[in-house]
Amino acid sequence: PGDAFVAALVRLGPLDALALTLDVAGERRQAASVADMVVSPETLLGSIGRRYQMPPGSLVLFGTPPGTAHDRGEGWLRDGEDVVARVGRSVELRCVVTPEGH
């Protein structure tokens, strides 16, 4: 699934023109543009790549500039919650929160 996600991102065009959203249990928790990030994805990936091996298909998810839901008093992710991350209008990554080790 990671390779398909990355391939879809490449087709979307310039990274700084993309919108990022994150929905948790159907509620919009984050929404911003890549251009609003304090540090560019290229810079972040370069820094991570110098410290850790990232094989092809690796995914690195970044938060949006406004901060985290926890910072706004909305709490941590809970077991069983649906999490949907979107980049632009056509790339979606969906998962369900599970306890660590399961």
N, C-alpha and C. Protein backbone atom coordinates (compact mmCIF):
# COMPACT_ATOMS: atom_id res chain seq x y z
N PRO A 1 0.81 -1.21 0.00
CA PRO A 1 0.00 0.00 0.00
C PRO A 1 0.85 1.27 0.00
N GLY A 2 2.02 1.22 0.65
CA GLY A 2 2.87 2.40 0.72
C GLY A 2 3.35 2.85 -0.64
N ASP A 3 3.75 1.90 -1.50
CA ASP A 3 4.23 2.25 -2.84
C ASP A 3 3.12 2.93 -3.66
N ALA A 4 1.91 2.45 -3.55
CA ALA A 4 0.79 3.04 -4.29
C ALA A 4 0.52 4.46 -3.79
N PHE A 5 0.62 4.66 -2.48
CA PHE A 5 0.41 5.98 -1.89
C PHE A 5 1.44 6.97 -2.42
N VAL A 6 2.71 6.58 -2.41
CA VAL A 6 3.79 7.45 -2.90
C VAL A 6 3.62 7.72 -4.38
N ALA A 7 3.28 6.71 -5.16
CA ALA A 7 3.08 6.90 -6.60
C ALA A 7 1.96 7.89 -6.87
N ALA A 8 0.90 7.83 -6.09
CA ALA A 8 -0.21 8.77 -6.25
C ALA A 8 0.23 10.19 -5.91
N LEU A 9 1.04 10.36 -4.90
CA LEU A 9 1.54 11.69 -4.53
C LEU A 9 2.35 12.30 -5.66
N VAL A 10 3.19 11.50 -6.28
CA VAL A 10 4.04 11.98 -7.36
C VAL A 10 3.18 12.54 -8.50
N ARG A 11 2.06 11.91 -8.77
CA ARG A 11 1.18 12.35 -9.86
C ARG A 11 0.45 13.64 -9.53
N LEU A 12 0.38 14.04 -8.26
CA LEU A 12 -0.39 15.22 -7.87
C LEU A 12 0.30 16.54 -8.20
N GLY A 13 1.60 16.52 -8.41
CA GLY A 13 2.30 17.75 -8.75
C GLY A 13 3.11 18.29 -7.60
N PRO A 14 3.41 19.61 -7.62
CA PRO A 14 4.28 20.22 -6.61
C PRO A 14 3.76 20.01 -5.19
N LEU A 15 4.63 19.55 -4.30
CA LEU A 15 4.22 19.28 -2.92
C LEU A 15 3.64 20.50 -2.22
N ASP A 16 4.25 21.68 -2.43
CA ASP A 16 3.80 22.84 -1.67
C ASP A 16 2.40 23.32 -2.06
N ALA A 17 1.83 22.77 -3.12
CA ALA A 17 0.48 23.14 -3.53
C ALA A 17 -0.59 22.21 -2.95
N LEU A 18 -0.17 21.19 -2.20
CA LEU A 18 -1.12 20.17 -1.73
C LEU A 18 -1.75 20.53 -0.39
N ALA A 19 -3.01 20.15 -0.25
CA ALA A 19 -3.73 20.30 1.02
C ALA A 19 -3.60 19.01 1.81
N LEU A 20 -3.47 19.14 3.12
CA LEU A 20 -3.40 17.98 4.03
C LEU A 20 -4.61 18.04 4.96
N THR A 21 -5.28 16.90 5.14
CA THR A 21 -6.34 16.84 6.14
C THR A 21 -6.20 15.55 6.94
N LEU A 22 -6.71 15.59 8.15
CA LEU A 22 -6.74 14.41 9.00
C LEU A 22 -8.07 14.38 9.71
N ASP A 23 -8.82 13.30 9.50
CA ASP A 23 -10.11 13.12 10.17
C ASP A 23 -9.98 11.96 11.15
N VAL A 24 -10.54 12.13 12.34
CA VAL A 24 -10.55 11.08 13.35
C VAL A 24 -12.01 10.86 13.75
N ALA A 25 -12.47 9.62 13.58
CA ALA A 25 -13.85 9.27 13.91
C ALA A 25 -14.83 10.22 13.22
N GLY A 26 -14.54 10.57 11.97
CA GLY A 26 -15.43 11.43 11.20
C GLY A 26 -15.31 12.91 11.50
N GLU A 27 -14.44 13.30 12.41
CA GLU A 27 -14.27 14.71 12.79
C GLU A 27 -12.96 15.25 12.21
N ARG A 28 -13.03 16.39 11.55
CA ARG A 28 -11.82 17.02 11.00
C ARG A 28 -10.96 17.53 12.15
N ARG A 29 -9.76 16.98 12.26
CA ARG A 29 -8.85 17.38 13.33
C ARG A 29 -7.75 18.32 12.83
N GLN A 30 -7.35 18.13 11.56
CA GLN A 30 -6.30 18.98 11.02
C GLN A 30 -6.59 19.28 9.56
N ALA A 31 -6.25 20.51 9.14
CA ALA A 31 -6.40 20.90 7.74
C ALA A 31 -5.43 22.05 7.49
N ALA A 32 -4.56 21.89 6.50
CA ALA A 32 -3.60 22.93 6.15
C ALA A 32 -2.97 22.59 4.80
N SER A 33 -2.14 23.49 4.34
CA SER A 33 -1.41 23.29 3.09
C SER A 33 0.03 22.90 3.40
N VAL A 34 0.62 22.11 2.53
CA VAL A 34 2.04 21.77 2.69
C VAL A 34 2.88 23.05 2.71
N ALA A 35 2.45 24.07 1.96
CA ALA A 35 3.19 25.34 1.92
C ALA A 35 3.25 26.02 3.28
N ASP A 36 2.32 25.70 4.18
CA ASP A 36 2.29 26.31 5.52
C ASP A 36 3.22 25.63 6.52
N MET A 37 3.83 24.52 6.13
CA MET A 37 4.70 23.79 7.07
C MET A 37 5.94 24.63 7.39
N VAL A 38 6.37 24.58 8.63
CA VAL A 38 7.54 25.34 9.07
C VAL A 38 8.80 24.84 8.37
N VAL A 39 8.91 23.54 8.21
CA VAL A 39 10.04 22.92 7.52
C VAL A 39 9.48 22.12 6.34
N SER A 40 10.09 22.24 5.18
CA SER A 40 9.57 21.55 3.99
C SER A 40 9.70 20.03 4.13
N PRO A 41 8.81 19.29 3.45
CA PRO A 41 8.92 17.83 3.47
C PRO A 41 10.28 17.35 2.97
N GLU A 42 10.83 18.01 1.95
CA GLU A 42 12.13 17.61 1.42
C GLU A 42 13.21 17.72 2.48
N THR A 43 13.19 18.81 3.25
CA THR A 43 14.18 19.01 4.32
C THR A 43 14.00 17.96 5.42
N LEU A 44 12.75 17.72 5.81
CA LEU A 44 12.48 16.72 6.85
C LEU A 44 12.92 15.33 6.42
N LEU A 45 12.58 14.96 5.18
CA LEU A 45 12.97 13.64 4.68
C LEU A 45 14.48 13.50 4.59
N GLY A 46 15.16 14.58 4.18
CA GLY A 46 16.62 14.54 4.12
C GLY A 46 17.22 14.31 5.49
N SER A 47 16.68 15.00 6.50
CA SER A 47 17.18 14.86 7.86
C SER A 47 16.92 13.45 8.40
N ILE A 48 15.72 12.94 8.17
CA ILE A 48 15.39 11.58 8.62
C ILE A 48 16.26 10.56 7.91
N GLY A 49 16.44 10.74 6.59
CA GLY A 49 17.22 9.80 5.79
C GLY A 49 18.68 9.73 6.19
N ARG A 50 19.20 10.81 6.76
CA ARG A 50 20.59 10.78 7.24
C ARG A 50 20.72 10.00 8.54
N ARG A 51 19.63 9.81 9.25
CA ARG A 51 19.67 9.14 10.55
C ARG A 51 19.12 7.71 10.52
N TYR A 52 18.19 7.46 9.62
CA TYR A 52 17.51 6.16 9.57
C TYR A 52 17.46 5.66 8.13
N GLN A 53 17.53 4.35 7.98
CA GLN A 53 17.38 3.76 6.66
C GLN A 53 15.89 3.74 6.31
N MET A 54 15.56 4.24 5.13
CA MET A 54 14.17 4.23 4.67
C MET A 54 14.09 3.46 3.36
N PRO A 55 13.71 2.19 3.42
CA PRO A 55 13.61 1.40 2.19
C PRO A 55 12.50 1.94 1.29
N PRO A 56 12.54 1.61 -0.01
CA PRO A 56 11.48 2.04 -0.92
C PRO A 56 10.11 1.67 -0.37
N GLY A 57 9.18 2.59 -0.52
CA GLY A 57 7.82 2.37 -0.03
C GLY A 57 7.59 2.84 1.39
N SER A 58 8.65 3.34 2.07
CA SER A 58 8.49 3.84 3.43
C SER A 58 7.56 5.06 3.43
N LEU A 59 6.75 5.16 4.46
CA LEU A 59 5.88 6.32 4.62
C LEU A 59 6.31 7.10 5.85
N VAL A 60 6.34 8.41 5.72
CA VAL A 60 6.59 9.28 6.86
C VAL A 60 5.45 10.28 6.88
N LEU A 61 4.67 10.27 7.93
CA LEU A 61 3.53 11.18 8.04
C LEU A 61 3.92 12.38 8.91
N PHE A 62 3.62 13.56 8.42
CA PHE A 62 3.90 14.80 9.15
C PHE A 62 2.58 15.40 9.60
N GLY A 63 2.61 16.07 10.72
CA GLY A 63 1.43 16.79 11.18
C GLY A 63 1.26 18.08 10.41
N THR A 64 0.09 18.69 10.53
CA THR A 64 -0.15 19.97 9.87
C THR A 64 0.28 21.11 10.79
N PRO A 65 0.55 22.28 10.24
CA PRO A 65 1.10 23.39 11.02
C PRO A 65 0.33 23.82 12.27
N PRO A 66 -1.01 23.75 12.30
CA PRO A 66 -1.70 24.23 13.49
C PRO A 66 -1.41 23.44 14.78
N GLY A 67 -0.75 22.31 14.68
CA GLY A 67 -0.44 21.55 15.89
C GLY A 67 -1.30 20.32 16.02
N THR A 68 -1.28 19.75 17.22
CA THR A 68 -1.97 18.48 17.42
C THR A 68 -3.30 18.66 18.14
N ALA A 69 -4.15 17.67 17.98
CA ALA A 69 -5.44 17.69 18.67
C ALA A 69 -5.22 17.71 20.18
N HIS A 70 -4.20 17.01 20.63
CA HIS A 70 -3.93 16.98 22.07
C HIS A 70 -3.60 18.38 22.57
N ASP A 71 -2.85 19.17 21.78
CA ASP A 71 -2.52 20.54 22.17
C ASP A 71 -3.77 21.40 22.32
N ARG A 72 -4.82 21.07 21.57
CA ARG A 72 -6.07 21.84 21.62
C ARG A 72 -7.06 21.23 22.61
N GLY A 73 -6.64 20.25 23.39
CA GLY A 73 -7.52 19.64 24.39
C GLY A 73 -8.48 18.61 23.83
N GLU A 74 -8.22 18.11 22.61
CA GLU A 74 -9.12 17.14 21.99
C GLU A 74 -8.74 15.70 22.31
N GLY A 75 -7.64 15.49 23.01
CA GLY A 75 -7.27 14.15 23.46
C GLY A 75 -6.47 13.35 22.47
N TRP A 76 -6.04 12.19 22.95
CA TRP A 76 -5.25 11.25 22.15
C TRP A 76 -6.17 10.38 21.32
N LEU A 77 -5.59 9.68 20.35
CA LEU A 77 -6.35 8.71 19.58
C LEU A 77 -6.77 7.57 20.49
N ARG A 78 -7.96 7.02 20.23
CA ARG A 78 -8.49 5.94 21.06
C ARG A 78 -8.64 4.66 20.24
N ASP A 79 -8.53 3.53 20.92
CA ASP A 79 -8.70 2.22 20.31
C ASP A 79 -10.00 2.18 19.52
N GLY A 80 -9.91 1.72 18.27
CA GLY A 80 -11.08 1.54 17.42
C GLY A 80 -11.46 2.74 16.57
N GLU A 81 -10.82 3.90 16.80
CA GLU A 81 -11.18 5.08 16.00
C GLU A 81 -10.65 4.96 14.57
N ASP A 82 -11.47 5.39 13.62
CA ASP A 82 -11.04 5.48 12.22
C ASP A 82 -10.22 6.75 12.06
N VAL A 83 -9.08 6.62 11.37
CA VAL A 83 -8.23 7.77 11.08
C VAL A 83 -8.06 7.82 9.56
N VAL A 84 -8.35 8.97 8.98
CA VAL A 84 -8.25 9.14 7.53
C VAL A 84 -7.36 10.35 7.25
N ALA A 85 -6.21 10.09 6.62
CA ALA A 85 -5.30 11.16 6.20
C ALA A 85 -5.47 11.34 4.70
N ARG A 86 -5.62 12.60 4.27
CA ARG A 86 -5.77 12.88 2.84
C ARG A 86 -4.72 13.90 2.41
N VAL A 87 -4.23 13.67 1.20
CA VAL A 87 -3.31 14.62 0.57
C VAL A 87 -3.96 15.00 -0.74
N GLY A 88 -4.26 16.28 -0.90
CA GLY A 88 -5.00 16.69 -2.09
C GLY A 88 -6.38 16.09 -2.06
N ARG A 89 -6.97 15.92 -3.24
CA ARG A 89 -8.33 15.38 -3.33
C ARG A 89 -8.37 13.90 -3.67
N SER A 90 -7.22 13.34 -4.06
CA SER A 90 -7.30 11.98 -4.59
C SER A 90 -6.45 10.95 -3.86
N VAL A 91 -5.68 11.35 -2.84
CA VAL A 91 -4.85 10.38 -2.12
C VAL A 91 -5.37 10.27 -0.70
N GLU A 92 -5.71 9.06 -0.31
CA GLU A 92 -6.28 8.82 1.02
C GLU A 92 -5.62 7.62 1.66
N LEU A 93 -5.28 7.75 2.93
CA LEU A 93 -4.75 6.65 3.72
C LEU A 93 -5.67 6.48 4.91
N ARG A 94 -6.25 5.29 5.05
CA ARG A 94 -7.25 5.03 6.08
C ARG A 94 -6.76 3.91 6.99
N CYS A 95 -6.93 4.08 8.30
CA CYS A 95 -6.55 3.03 9.24
C CYS A 95 -7.45 3.11 10.47
N VAL A 96 -7.39 2.06 11.27
CA VAL A 96 -8.12 2.00 12.53
C VAL A 96 -7.09 1.88 13.64
N VAL A 97 -7.27 2.69 14.69
CA VAL A 97 -6.34 2.68 15.82
C VAL A 97 -6.48 1.37 16.58
N THR A 98 -5.34 0.73 16.87
CA THR A 98 -5.33 -0.50 17.66
C THR A 98 -4.30 -0.34 18.78
N PRO A 99 -4.49 -1.03 19.88
CA PRO A 99 -3.52 -0.94 20.97
C PRO A 99 -2.14 -1.42 20.50
N GLU A 100 -1.11 -0.86 21.08
CA GLU A 100 0.25 -1.26 20.73
C GLU A 100 0.44 -2.75 20.97
N GLY A 101 1.09 -3.42 20.02
CA GLY A 101 1.35 -4.84 20.14
C GLY A 101 0.29 -5.74 19.56
N HIS A 102 -0.78 -5.17 19.04
CA HIS A 102 -1.86 -6.00 18.44
C HIS A 102 -1.79 -5.95 16.94
